[in-house]
């Protein structure tokens, strides 16, 4: 378990602050909040990368990821399992409501509705290590949330994982040792990076989660899609009658 923590910690430190995914050419400019310009948003996305993935990424193009079929629905999810137990096994991503929803045979399954994971059809006490990108409910789903799960560690400013997070994201705006840290964006309560270790109870067990979230991106992408649909409907009617 300790080795898994050290591997996860080293990976966070190695994340690039200038990910090449999805930062060029995206037209959103702040959306629902209306308080960020495009330049500020790009800077935030570069700062809040998780496993070299940026918020705003077109998630269907992420190499090595498996996606569910819910394009255009609320929660389109793409996942890459990092757990050694998933090497050589098929990957599945889908909402699991009943045991029968879990794909048959060997494989690693990610429940896109809860974040739970299954190994060879059996739910894991703590989630398998994975990185998930949650996409907007639009024709081109873009990541408005990133979730990285890995083995539990003590989350303090002096622990391995705490020092790695601070080296990457800077001094936290909120600290609740030994379980929580959070980094905010001024003026935007729904744009943040949060880390939590061992804060859950029940079948999910103890684990660490690093989550990057941009709520206004979801709002702005919806607005862009709605405007495009309205223009298509406006120009797609039957020919005008002779007047």
Protein backbone atom coordinates (compact mmCIF):
# COMPACT_ATOMS: atom_id res chain seq x y z
CA UNK A 1 0.00 0.00 0.00
CA UNK A 2 2.79 2.42 0.90
CA UNK A 3 4.50 1.81 -2.45
CA UNK A 4 1.27 2.66 -4.23
CA UNK A 5 1.10 5.94 -2.35
CA UNK A 6 4.66 6.83 -3.27
CA UNK A 7 4.01 6.09 -6.94
CA UNK A 8 0.90 8.27 -6.90
CA UNK A 9 2.75 11.07 -5.15
CA UNK A 10 5.62 11.04 -7.62
CA UNK A 11 3.14 11.13 -10.49
CA UNK A 12 1.48 14.28 -9.17
CA UNK A 13 4.80 16.05 -8.88
CA UNK A 14 5.60 15.05 -12.45
CA UNK A 15 2.41 16.58 -13.90
CA UNK A 16 3.07 19.30 -16.45
CA UNK A 17 1.86 22.78 -15.62
CA UNK A 18 1.42 23.53 -19.33
CA UNK A 19 -0.55 20.56 -20.63
CA UNK A 20 -1.04 20.62 -24.38
CA UNK A 21 -4.53 19.11 -24.16
CA UNK A 22 -7.42 21.35 -25.16
CA UNK A 23 -5.99 24.78 -24.43
CA UNK A 24 -5.84 26.21 -27.93
CA UNK A 25 -8.86 27.37 -29.89
CA UNK A 26 -11.56 26.85 -27.28
CA UNK A 27 -14.09 29.66 -27.50
CA UNK A 28 -15.67 29.70 -24.05
CA UNK A 29 -15.01 32.89 -22.15
CA UNK A 30 -16.31 32.30 -18.66
CA UNK A 31 -19.93 31.34 -19.19
CA UNK A 32 -22.33 31.40 -16.28
CA UNK A 33 -20.14 33.43 -13.95
CA UNK A 34 -19.04 35.91 -16.59
CA UNK A 35 -16.10 36.94 -14.42
CA UNK A 36 -13.18 35.32 -16.27
CA UNK A 37 -11.74 36.28 -19.63
CA UNK A 38 -10.35 33.64 -21.95
CA UNK A 39 -6.77 34.36 -20.91
CA UNK A 40 -7.57 33.99 -17.22
CA UNK A 41 -9.39 30.73 -17.89
CA UNK A 42 -6.43 29.28 -19.80
CA UNK A 43 -4.13 30.22 -16.92
CA UNK A 44 -6.46 28.52 -14.45
CA UNK A 45 -6.68 25.38 -16.56
CA UNK A 46 -2.89 25.21 -16.86
CA UNK A 47 -2.54 25.58 -13.09
CA UNK A 48 -5.25 23.01 -12.32
CA UNK A 49 -4.06 20.14 -14.53
CA UNK A 50 -4.48 16.64 -13.12
CA UNK A 51 -2.28 13.84 -14.49
CA UNK A 52 -1.29 16.11 -17.41
CA UNK A 53 -4.96 16.64 -18.34
CA UNK A 54 -6.49 20.10 -18.47
CA UNK A 55 -10.01 21.23 -17.74
CA UNK A 56 -11.63 22.14 -21.07
CA UNK A 57 -10.14 19.13 -22.85
CA UNK A 58 -12.24 17.42 -25.52
CA UNK A 59 -12.34 14.17 -23.57
CA UNK A 60 -13.18 11.76 -26.40
CA UNK A 61 -9.70 12.43 -27.82
CA UNK A 62 -7.74 11.53 -24.67
CA UNK A 63 -5.25 8.75 -25.54
CA UNK A 64 -5.60 5.55 -23.53
CA UNK A 65 -9.02 6.45 -22.11
CA UNK A 66 -12.26 4.47 -22.38
CA UNK A 67 -15.52 6.44 -22.54
CA UNK A 68 -19.15 5.65 -21.87
CA UNK A 69 -21.81 6.06 -24.54
CA UNK A 70 -23.56 9.08 -23.03
CA UNK A 71 -22.46 11.78 -25.50
CA UNK A 72 -24.80 14.76 -25.20
CA UNK A 73 -26.18 13.56 -21.87
CA UNK A 74 -25.43 15.03 -18.45
CA UNK A 75 -22.42 12.97 -17.45
CA UNK A 76 -20.21 11.75 -20.29
CA UNK A 77 -17.27 10.06 -18.61
CA UNK A 78 -13.88 8.87 -19.89
CA UNK A 79 -11.57 6.83 -17.65
CA UNK A 80 -8.05 5.47 -17.61
CA UNK A 81 -7.27 2.85 -14.95
CA UNK A 82 -3.82 3.18 -13.40
CA UNK A 83 -4.10 0.21 -11.03
CA UNK A 84 -1.66 -2.63 -11.77
CA UNK A 85 -4.54 -5.11 -11.38
CA UNK A 86 -6.15 -3.65 -14.51
CA UNK A 87 -3.18 -4.33 -16.79
CA UNK A 88 -4.25 -6.67 -19.56
CA UNK A 89 -7.92 -6.48 -18.56
CA UNK A 90 -10.67 -4.81 -20.61
CA UNK A 91 -11.94 -1.44 -19.36
CA UNK A 92 -15.62 -0.54 -19.11
CA UNK A 93 -17.30 2.76 -18.24
CA UNK A 94 -21.04 2.83 -17.63
CA UNK A 95 -23.63 3.68 -14.98
CA UNK A 96 -24.20 0.72 -12.64
CA UNK A 97 -27.68 0.55 -11.12
CA UNK A 98 -27.92 -3.21 -10.64
CA UNK A 99 -25.39 -6.03 -10.37
CA UNK A 100 -26.49 -7.19 -13.81
CA UNK A 101 -25.19 -3.88 -15.26
CA UNK A 102 -21.57 -4.90 -14.57
CA UNK A 103 -20.02 -6.40 -17.74
CA UNK A 104 -19.45 -10.14 -17.57
CA UNK A 105 -16.02 -11.76 -17.48
CA UNK A 106 -12.74 -10.26 -16.34
CA UNK A 107 -12.25 -6.52 -16.52
CA UNK A 108 -12.09 -3.21 -14.68
CA UNK A 109 -15.35 -1.28 -14.60
CA UNK A 110 -15.93 2.35 -13.60
CA UNK A 111 -19.42 3.31 -12.43
CA UNK A 112 -19.94 6.69 -14.10
CA UNK A 113 -22.82 7.54 -11.76
CA UNK A 114 -21.00 7.07 -8.43
CA UNK A 115 -17.26 6.64 -9.13
CA UNK A 116 -17.28 3.11 -7.70
CA UNK A 117 -15.04 0.53 -9.39
CA UNK A 118 -15.36 -3.18 -10.03
CA UNK A 119 -12.61 -5.75 -10.56
CA UNK A 120 -13.77 -8.88 -12.40
CA UNK A 121 -17.42 -8.02 -11.54
CA UNK A 122 -16.75 -7.52 -7.81
CA UNK A 123 -16.95 -4.05 -6.28
CA UNK A 124 -13.64 -2.94 -4.77
CA UNK A 125 -13.58 -1.81 -1.13
CA UNK A 126 -11.52 1.23 -2.09
CA UNK A 127 -11.73 2.42 -5.72
CA UNK A 128 -9.13 1.14 -8.15
CA UNK A 129 -6.57 3.83 -8.93
CA UNK A 130 -7.87 5.73 -11.96
CA UNK A 131 -8.19 9.14 -13.54
CA UNK A 132 -11.64 10.14 -14.80
CA UNK A 133 -12.65 13.08 -16.99
CA UNK A 134 -16.29 14.15 -16.66
CA UNK A 135 -17.53 15.91 -19.80
CA UNK A 136 -20.18 18.49 -20.57
CA UNK A 137 -23.56 17.33 -21.89
CA UNK A 138 -22.88 18.84 -25.32
CA UNK A 139 -22.05 17.43 -28.81
CA UNK A 140 -18.32 17.87 -28.09
CA UNK A 141 -17.96 16.91 -24.41
CA UNK A 142 -15.26 18.96 -22.65
CA UNK A 143 -13.89 18.14 -19.22
CA UNK A 144 -15.47 20.31 -16.55
CA UNK A 145 -14.31 17.90 -13.83
CA UNK A 146 -11.23 15.70 -13.36
CA UNK A 147 -11.00 13.02 -10.65
CA UNK A 148 -7.82 11.14 -9.70
CA UNK A 149 -8.19 8.35 -7.10
CA UNK A 150 -5.29 6.54 -5.47
CA UNK A 151 -4.20 4.85 -2.23
CA UNK A 152 -4.88 6.56 1.10
CA UNK A 153 -2.21 8.74 2.70
CA UNK A 154 -2.18 11.30 5.50
CA UNK A 155 -3.02 14.68 3.99
CA UNK A 156 -0.97 17.27 5.87
CA UNK A 157 1.42 20.00 4.76
CA UNK A 158 4.34 17.79 5.82
CA UNK A 159 3.21 14.44 4.35
CA UNK A 160 4.46 13.16 1.01
CA UNK A 161 1.16 13.74 -0.75
CA UNK A 162 0.65 17.12 0.95
CA UNK A 163 4.07 18.39 -0.14
CA UNK A 164 3.49 17.12 -3.68
CA UNK A 165 0.15 18.91 -3.92
CA UNK A 166 1.58 22.18 -2.56
CA UNK A 167 4.51 21.97 -4.98
CA UNK A 168 2.05 21.65 -7.86
CA UNK A 169 -0.81 23.97 -6.88
CA UNK A 170 0.76 26.36 -4.34
CA UNK A 171 -0.38 27.16 -0.81
CA UNK A 172 -3.94 25.87 -0.19
CA UNK A 173 -6.75 28.32 0.48
CA UNK A 174 -8.32 25.83 2.91
CA UNK A 175 -6.68 23.13 5.04
CA UNK A 176 -8.38 20.59 7.29
CA UNK A 177 -5.58 18.25 8.34
CA UNK A 178 -5.23 15.33 8.01
CA UNK A 179 -7.99 14.96 5.40
CA UNK A 180 -8.68 18.00 3.20
CA UNK A 181 -7.04 20.75 1.15
CA UNK A 182 -8.61 23.13 -1.38
CA UNK A 183 -7.40 25.71 -3.90
CA UNK A 184 -9.87 28.35 -5.10
CA UNK A 185 -10.10 30.96 -7.87
CA UNK A 186 -10.91 34.49 -6.71
CA UNK A 187 -14.51 35.42 -7.45
CA UNK A 188 -15.52 31.96 -8.66
CA UNK A 189 -16.79 29.65 -5.94
CA UNK A 190 -17.39 26.82 -8.43
CA UNK A 191 -13.85 26.67 -9.87
CA UNK A 192 -11.39 24.83 -7.63
CA UNK A 193 -9.03 21.95 -6.98
CA UNK A 194 -9.75 19.89 -3.89
CA UNK A 195 -7.87 16.99 -2.29
CA UNK A 196 -9.35 14.58 0.22
CA UNK A 197 -7.88 11.51 1.88
CA UNK A 198 -9.85 9.03 3.97
CA UNK A 199 -12.94 11.21 4.24
CA UNK A 200 -15.52 8.65 3.13
CA UNK A 201 -17.27 5.84 4.95
CA UNK A 202 -19.04 2.69 3.83
CA UNK A 203 -18.31 0.35 0.91
CA UNK A 204 -15.93 2.77 -0.84
CA UNK A 205 -13.35 2.42 1.93
CA UNK A 206 -10.45 4.81 2.49
CA UNK A 207 -8.63 6.40 -0.44
CA UNK A 208 -7.33 9.75 -1.71
CA UNK A 209 -9.06 11.86 -4.32
CA UNK A 210 -7.78 14.92 -6.21
CA UNK A 211 -10.62 16.74 -7.97
CA UNK A 212 -10.45 19.71 -10.37
CA UNK A 213 -13.78 21.37 -11.17
CA UNK A 214 -15.00 24.23 -13.39
CA UNK A 215 -18.75 24.72 -13.03
CA UNK A 216 -18.97 27.85 -15.25
CA UNK A 217 -17.45 25.84 -18.11
CA UNK A 218 -20.46 23.51 -18.01
CA UNK A 219 -22.79 26.53 -18.15
CA UNK A 220 -20.93 28.20 -21.01
CA UNK A 221 -20.72 25.02 -23.12
CA UNK A 222 -24.45 24.49 -22.67
CA UNK A 223 -25.10 28.07 -23.76
CA UNK A 224 -22.93 27.64 -26.88
CA UNK A 225 -24.75 24.42 -27.80
CA UNK A 226 -28.17 26.01 -27.24
CA UNK A 227 -27.26 28.99 -29.45
CA UNK A 228 -26.06 26.66 -32.21
CA UNK A 229 -29.26 24.62 -32.01
CA UNK A 230 -31.39 27.76 -32.14
CA UNK A 231 -29.56 29.03 -35.25
CA UNK A 232 -29.89 25.61 -36.92
CA UNK A 233 -33.62 25.58 -36.25
CA UNK A 234 -33.97 29.17 -37.45
CA UNK A 235 -32.33 28.43 -40.81
CA UNK A 236 -33.51 24.86 -41.24
CA UNK A 237 -37.20 25.41 -41.85
CA UNK A 238 -39.12 24.85 -45.08
CA UNK A 239 -38.76 27.31 -47.96
CA UNK A 240 -40.70 30.52 -47.42
CA UNK A 241 -44.02 30.67 -49.28
CA UNK A 242 -44.52 33.23 -52.02
CA UNK A 243 -45.79 36.39 -50.45
